[in-house]
């Protein structure tokens, strides 16, 4: 498994595993990939940026136990790396609806429990 695939799958797993549809999980992957282009960094470098992903601070790149959710996260990450989507209209940030508006940026999309900026 490539480092990019692992890092992206972990982001999807930790940030969107509770989302009711694949679209929301693809959208989270899309934001990470948008950041790689914007910042000229690898997926793992984006994930490891300070104060960006709380799960990374706590768990690092520790792989979760094998489960259907982890397998789905791997599938979404692999497909996202091979075929880009634009559900978030170019967003480079997201958070959950319950957190509210952040980043001083304009909302570009709302997909289930995530807001994209």
C-alpha atoms as a PDB file:
ATOM      1  CA  UNK A   1       0.000   0.000   0.000  1.00  0.00           C
ATOM      2  CA  UNK A   2       1.373   3.415  -0.950  1.00  0.00           C
ATOM      3  CA  UNK A   3       1.851   6.122   1.659  1.00  0.00           C
ATOM      4  CA  UNK A   4      -0.630   8.390  -0.141  1.00  0.00           C
ATOM      5  CA  UNK A   5      -3.286   5.700  -0.125  1.00  0.00           C
ATOM      6  CA  UNK A   6      -2.763   4.984   3.577  1.00  0.00           C
ATOM      7  CA  UNK A   7      -2.830   8.663   4.593  1.00  0.00           C
ATOM      8  CA  UNK A   8      -5.899   9.470   2.512  1.00  0.00           C
ATOM      9  CA  UNK A   9      -7.770   6.380   3.730  1.00  0.00           C
ATOM     10  CA  UNK A  10      -7.009   7.327   7.331  1.00  0.00           C
ATOM     11  CA  UNK A  11      -8.374  10.838   6.726  1.00  0.00           C
ATOM     12  CA  UNK A  12     -11.571   9.428   5.232  1.00  0.00           C
ATOM     13  CA  UNK A  13     -11.879   6.895   8.053  1.00  0.00           C
ATOM     14  CA  UNK A  14     -11.364   9.345  10.903  1.00  0.00           C
ATOM     15  CA  UNK A  15     -13.155  12.358   9.441  1.00  0.00           C
ATOM     16  CA  UNK A  16     -16.125  10.837   7.645  1.00  0.00           C
ATOM     17  CA  UNK A  17     -16.747   7.259   8.714  1.00  0.00           C
ATOM     18  CA  UNK A  18     -20.102   8.216  10.240  1.00  0.00           C
ATOM     19  CA  UNK A  19     -21.407   9.902   7.113  1.00  0.00           C
ATOM     20  CA  UNK A  20     -24.506   8.281   5.596  1.00  0.00           C
ATOM     21  CA  UNK A  21     -23.324   8.363   1.966  1.00  0.00           C
ATOM     22  CA  UNK A  22     -20.173   7.841  -0.034  1.00  0.00           C
ATOM     23  CA  UNK A  23     -20.455  11.376  -1.455  1.00  0.00           C
ATOM     24  CA  UNK A  24     -19.563  12.873   1.920  1.00  0.00           C
ATOM     25  CA  UNK A  25     -16.596  10.536   2.292  1.00  0.00           C
ATOM     26  CA  UNK A  26     -15.368  11.336  -1.219  1.00  0.00           C
ATOM     27  CA  UNK A  27     -15.746  15.030  -0.398  1.00  0.00           C
ATOM     28  CA  UNK A  28     -13.400  14.719   2.586  1.00  0.00           C
ATOM     29  CA  UNK A  29     -10.830  12.959   0.390  1.00  0.00           C
ATOM     30  CA  UNK A  30     -11.288  15.668  -2.214  1.00  0.00           C
ATOM     31  CA  UNK A  31     -10.411  18.427   0.267  1.00  0.00           C
ATOM     32  CA  UNK A  32      -7.181  16.677   1.224  1.00  0.00           C
ATOM     33  CA  UNK A  33      -6.276  16.277  -2.441  1.00  0.00           C
ATOM     34  CA  UNK A  34      -7.158  19.923  -3.153  1.00  0.00           C
ATOM     35  CA  UNK A  35      -4.724  20.916  -0.412  1.00  0.00           C
ATOM     36  CA  UNK A  36      -1.964  18.802  -1.958  1.00  0.00           C
ATOM     37  CA  UNK A  37      -2.290  20.774  -5.172  1.00  0.00           C
ATOM     38  CA  UNK A  38      -2.652  24.158  -3.484  1.00  0.00           C
ATOM     39  CA  UNK A  39       0.339  23.632  -1.198  1.00  0.00           C
ATOM     40  CA  UNK A  40       2.493  21.445  -3.460  1.00  0.00           C
ATOM     41  CA  UNK A  41       2.728  18.758  -0.787  1.00  0.00           C
ATOM     42  CA  UNK A  42       2.111  15.041  -0.613  1.00  0.00           C
ATOM     43  CA  UNK A  43      -1.052  13.635   0.946  1.00  0.00           C
ATOM     44  CA  UNK A  44       0.879  12.585   4.050  1.00  0.00           C
ATOM     45  CA  UNK A  45       2.497  16.025   4.366  1.00  0.00           C
ATOM     46  CA  UNK A  46      -0.935  17.662   4.245  1.00  0.00           C
ATOM     47  CA  UNK A  47      -2.284  15.262   6.873  1.00  0.00           C
ATOM     48  CA  UNK A  48       0.696  15.931   9.146  1.00  0.00           C
ATOM     49  CA  UNK A  49       0.455  19.738   8.988  1.00  0.00           C
ATOM     50  CA  UNK A  50       0.214  21.204  12.497  1.00  0.00           C
ATOM     51  CA  UNK A  51      -3.277  21.765  13.926  1.00  0.00           C
ATOM     52  CA  UNK A  52      -5.134  20.374  10.920  1.00  0.00           C
ATOM     53  CA  UNK A  53      -6.359  16.914  11.902  1.00  0.00           C
ATOM     54  CA  UNK A  54      -6.854  16.117  15.588  1.00  0.00           C
ATOM     55  CA  UNK A  55      -6.936  12.383  14.923  1.00  0.00           C
ATOM     56  CA  UNK A  56      -3.410  12.585  13.505  1.00  0.00           C
ATOM     57  CA  UNK A  57      -2.111  14.256  16.669  1.00  0.00           C
ATOM     58  CA  UNK A  58      -3.656  11.447  18.737  1.00  0.00           C
ATOM     59  CA  UNK A  59      -3.066   8.387  16.546  1.00  0.00           C
ATOM     60  CA  UNK A  60      -0.514   9.271  13.884  1.00  0.00           C
ATOM     61  CA  UNK A  61      -0.688   6.871  10.969  1.00  0.00           C
ATOM     62  CA  UNK A  62      -1.834   3.924  13.061  1.00  0.00           C
ATOM     63  CA  UNK A  63      -4.026   1.707  10.901  1.00  0.00           C
ATOM     64  CA  UNK A  64      -7.404   0.773  12.409  1.00  0.00           C
ATOM     65  CA  UNK A  65      -8.432  -2.831  12.858  1.00  0.00           C
ATOM     66  CA  UNK A  66      -9.725  -4.433   9.703  1.00  0.00           C
ATOM     67  CA  UNK A  67     -13.439  -3.690   9.381  1.00  0.00           C
ATOM     68  CA  UNK A  68     -15.974  -2.937   6.665  1.00  0.00           C
ATOM     69  CA  UNK A  69     -15.608   0.801   7.398  1.00  0.00           C
ATOM     70  CA  UNK A  70     -11.825   0.645   7.011  1.00  0.00           C
ATOM     71  CA  UNK A  71     -12.150  -1.348   3.777  1.00  0.00           C
ATOM     72  CA  UNK A  72     -14.619   1.242   2.441  1.00  0.00           C
ATOM     73  CA  UNK A  73     -12.218   4.053   3.418  1.00  0.00           C
ATOM     74  CA  UNK A  74      -9.418   2.346   1.499  1.00  0.00           C
ATOM     75  CA  UNK A  75     -11.673   1.941  -1.551  1.00  0.00           C
ATOM     76  CA  UNK A  76     -12.745   5.591  -1.496  1.00  0.00           C
ATOM     77  CA  UNK A  77      -9.147   6.768  -1.061  1.00  0.00           C
ATOM     78  CA  UNK A  78      -7.933   4.639  -3.960  1.00  0.00           C
ATOM     79  CA  UNK A  79     -10.726   5.795  -6.251  1.00  0.00           C
ATOM     80  CA  UNK A  80     -10.152   9.421  -5.216  1.00  0.00           C
ATOM     81  CA  UNK A  81      -6.467   9.189  -6.045  1.00  0.00           C
ATOM     82  CA  UNK A  82      -7.295   7.795  -9.489  1.00  0.00           C
ATOM     83  CA  UNK A  83     -10.423   9.765 -10.413  1.00  0.00           C
ATOM     84  CA  UNK A  84     -10.921  13.256  -9.042  1.00  0.00           C
ATOM     85  CA  UNK A  85     -14.351  14.587  -8.094  1.00  0.00           C
ATOM     86  CA  UNK A  86     -15.567  18.141  -7.490  1.00  0.00           C
ATOM     87  CA  UNK A  87     -18.310  17.744  -4.897  1.00  0.00           C
ATOM     88  CA  UNK A  88     -16.799  20.526  -2.786  1.00  0.00           C
ATOM     89  CA  UNK A  89     -16.268  23.047  -5.587  1.00  0.00           C
ATOM     90  CA  UNK A  90     -12.547  23.308  -4.907  1.00  0.00           C
ATOM     91  CA  UNK A  91     -12.747  23.521  -1.116  1.00  0.00           C
ATOM     92  CA  UNK A  92      -9.580  23.205   0.918  1.00  0.00           C
ATOM     93  CA  UNK A  93     -11.211  23.227   4.369  1.00  0.00           C
ATOM     94  CA  UNK A  94     -14.101  21.482   6.065  1.00  0.00           C
ATOM     95  CA  UNK A  95     -15.620  20.931   9.448  1.00  0.00           C
ATOM     96  CA  UNK A  96     -18.725  19.362  10.879  1.00  0.00           C
ATOM     97  CA  UNK A  97     -22.028  21.190  10.956  1.00  0.00           C
ATOM     98  CA  UNK A  98     -22.063  21.159  14.756  1.00  0.00           C
ATOM     99  CA  UNK A  99     -18.804  23.159  14.880  1.00  0.00           C
ATOM    100  CA  UNK A 100     -20.318  25.977  12.808  1.00  0.00           C
ATOM    101  CA  UNK A 101     -18.675  28.485  10.492  1.00  0.00           C
ATOM    102  CA  UNK A 102     -14.927  28.780  10.807  1.00  0.00           C
ATOM    103  CA  UNK A 103     -11.853  29.853   8.878  1.00  0.00           C
ATOM    104  CA  UNK A 104     -13.306  33.221   7.802  1.00  0.00           C
ATOM    105  CA  UNK A 105     -14.073  31.629   4.448  1.00  0.00           C
ATOM    106  CA  UNK A 106     -17.201  31.423   2.348  1.00  0.00           C
ATOM    107  CA  UNK A 107     -19.117  28.150   2.429  1.00  0.00           C
ATOM    108  CA  UNK A 108     -18.916  26.324  -0.899  1.00  0.00           C
ATOM    109  CA  UNK A 109     -20.843  23.147  -0.103  1.00  0.00           C
ATOM    110  CA  UNK A 110     -22.845  21.385   2.579  1.00  0.00           C
ATOM    111  CA  UNK A 111     -22.815  17.600   2.341  1.00  0.00           C
ATOM    112  CA  UNK A 112     -24.621  15.790   5.126  1.00  0.00           C
ATOM    113  CA  UNK A 113     -22.742  16.545   8.351  1.00  0.00           C
ATOM    114  CA  UNK A 114     -19.839  18.462   6.796  1.00  0.00           C
ATOM    115  CA  UNK A 115     -19.495  22.063   5.649  1.00  0.00           C
ATOM    116  CA  UNK A 116     -16.873  22.767   2.980  1.00  0.00           C
ATOM    117  CA  UNK A 117     -14.992  26.052   2.504  1.00  0.00           C
END
